[in-house]
């Protein structure tokens, strides 16, 4: 699916394939994406699942208990408590709030805040 602007997905929406968004992508809580995501920036709602890699040009915010294959961003990445993700690559800073599960965190800086 290709969107030539911003795309806001309501809660509990299921997308089977890949998603390409020219602008900001907001994935609603408890939603799933079966493929990869490419966007300018992204917000992933709580308890969402993304089975393919996520690649964004700017910032990424991953809310509580989301599950992702991997994420790569040119800007900052925010990981909220309970996030489970493979590799995390940021061109800037990775902010980790609470306990997250990750294979690898790679960025200019990684800041961890307890809960």
Protein backbone atom coordinates (compact mmCIF):
# COMPACT_ATOMS: atom_id res chain seq x y z
CA UNK A 1 0.00 0.00 0.00
CA UNK A 2 1.37 3.45 -0.92
CA UNK A 3 0.08 6.69 0.63
CA UNK A 4 1.12 10.12 -0.73
CA UNK A 5 0.72 12.03 2.53
CA UNK A 6 0.13 11.37 6.21
CA UNK A 7 -1.67 8.18 7.25
CA UNK A 8 -3.49 7.59 10.56
CA UNK A 9 -4.68 4.03 11.16
CA UNK A 10 -7.48 3.45 13.71
CA UNK A 11 -7.14 0.92 16.56
CA UNK A 12 -7.33 -2.81 15.81
CA UNK A 13 -6.64 -2.47 12.09
CA UNK A 14 -4.81 -5.26 10.28
CA UNK A 15 -2.72 -4.58 7.16
CA UNK A 16 -1.39 -7.70 5.44
CA UNK A 17 1.34 -6.27 3.19
CA UNK A 18 4.00 -3.58 3.01
CA UNK A 19 3.24 0.09 3.72
CA UNK A 20 4.97 3.12 2.15
CA UNK A 21 3.92 6.53 3.47
CA UNK A 22 5.33 9.80 2.11
CA UNK A 23 4.60 11.61 5.40
CA UNK A 24 3.86 10.69 9.01
CA UNK A 25 2.44 7.22 9.77
CA UNK A 26 0.45 6.65 12.97
CA UNK A 27 -0.43 3.03 13.64
CA UNK A 28 -3.32 2.67 16.10
CA UNK A 29 -3.23 0.55 19.26
CA UNK A 30 -3.60 -3.23 18.90
CA UNK A 31 -3.06 -3.04 15.11
CA UNK A 32 -0.83 -5.28 12.98
CA UNK A 33 1.22 -4.87 9.82
CA UNK A 34 2.27 -8.06 8.06
CA UNK A 35 5.10 -6.53 6.02
CA UNK A 36 7.61 -3.71 6.11
CA UNK A 37 7.00 0.00 6.71
CA UNK A 38 8.74 2.98 5.10
CA UNK A 39 7.72 6.49 6.17
CA UNK A 40 9.00 9.97 6.99
CA UNK A 41 8.20 9.46 10.70
CA UNK A 42 6.16 6.98 12.71
CA UNK A 43 4.18 6.54 15.91
CA UNK A 44 3.32 2.93 16.78
CA UNK A 45 0.42 2.54 19.23
CA UNK A 46 0.48 0.28 22.29
CA UNK A 47 0.24 -3.47 21.76
CA UNK A 48 0.75 -3.15 17.97
CA UNK A 49 2.70 -5.78 15.99
CA UNK A 50 4.86 -5.15 12.91
CA UNK A 51 6.26 -8.30 11.30
CA UNK A 52 8.65 -6.61 8.84
CA UNK A 53 11.40 -3.99 9.22
CA UNK A 54 10.51 -0.33 9.88
CA UNK A 55 12.58 2.35 8.12
CA UNK A 56 11.89 6.06 8.72
CA UNK A 57 13.72 9.21 7.63
CA UNK A 58 13.09 11.18 10.83
CA UNK A 59 11.74 10.21 14.26
CA UNK A 60 10.04 7.11 15.64
CA UNK A 61 7.96 6.65 18.79
CA UNK A 62 7.14 3.09 19.80
CA UNK A 63 4.48 2.87 22.53
CA UNK A 64 4.04 0.35 25.35
CA UNK A 65 4.16 -3.40 24.63
CA UNK A 66 4.54 -3.03 20.85
CA UNK A 67 6.37 -5.83 19.00
CA UNK A 68 8.57 -5.02 15.99
CA UNK A 69 10.92 -6.94 13.74
CA UNK A 70 13.49 -4.08 13.62
CA UNK A 71 13.63 -0.30 13.29
CA UNK A 72 15.95 2.14 11.55
CA UNK A 73 15.52 5.92 11.84
CA UNK A 74 17.49 8.97 10.77
CA UNK A 75 16.37 10.86 13.88
CA UNK A 76 15.53 10.04 17.49
CA UNK A 77 13.81 6.83 18.54
CA UNK A 78 11.65 6.58 21.68
CA UNK A 79 11.01 3.10 23.11
CA UNK A 80 8.33 2.87 25.82
CA UNK A 81 8.07 0.11 28.50
CA UNK A 82 7.44 -3.43 27.34
CA UNK A 83 8.54 -2.89 23.72
CA UNK A 84 10.05 -5.98 22.11
CA UNK A 85 12.17 -5.27 19.01
CA UNK A 86 15.08 -6.77 17.08
CA UNK A 87 17.80 -4.36 15.93
CA UNK A 88 17.35 -0.64 16.67
CA UNK A 89 19.46 1.77 14.56
CA UNK A 90 19.25 5.54 15.00
CA UNK A 91 21.12 8.41 13.38
CA UNK A 92 20.57 10.38 16.60
CA UNK A 93 19.57 9.33 20.15
CA UNK A 94 17.64 6.28 21.34
CA UNK A 95 15.52 7.04 24.42
CA UNK A 96 14.56 3.93 26.43
CA UNK A 97 11.84 4.27 29.06
CA UNK A 98 11.50 1.30 31.41
CA UNK A 99 12.26 -2.30 30.49
CA UNK A 100 12.42 -3.19 26.79
CA UNK A 101 13.58 -6.28 24.93
CA UNK A 102 16.01 -5.69 22.07
CA UNK A 103 18.69 -7.58 20.17
CA UNK A 104 20.87 -4.50 19.63
CA UNK A 105 20.67 -0.73 20.21
CA UNK A 106 22.89 1.35 17.94
CA UNK A 107 22.80 5.16 17.83
CA UNK A 108 24.86 8.28 18.55
CA UNK A 109 23.66 8.03 22.15
CA UNK A 110 21.41 5.73 24.17
CA UNK A 111 19.63 7.22 27.19
CA UNK A 112 17.88 4.91 29.60
CA UNK A 113 15.23 6.10 32.06
CA UNK A 114 13.85 3.77 34.76
CA UNK A 115 10.18 3.52 35.68
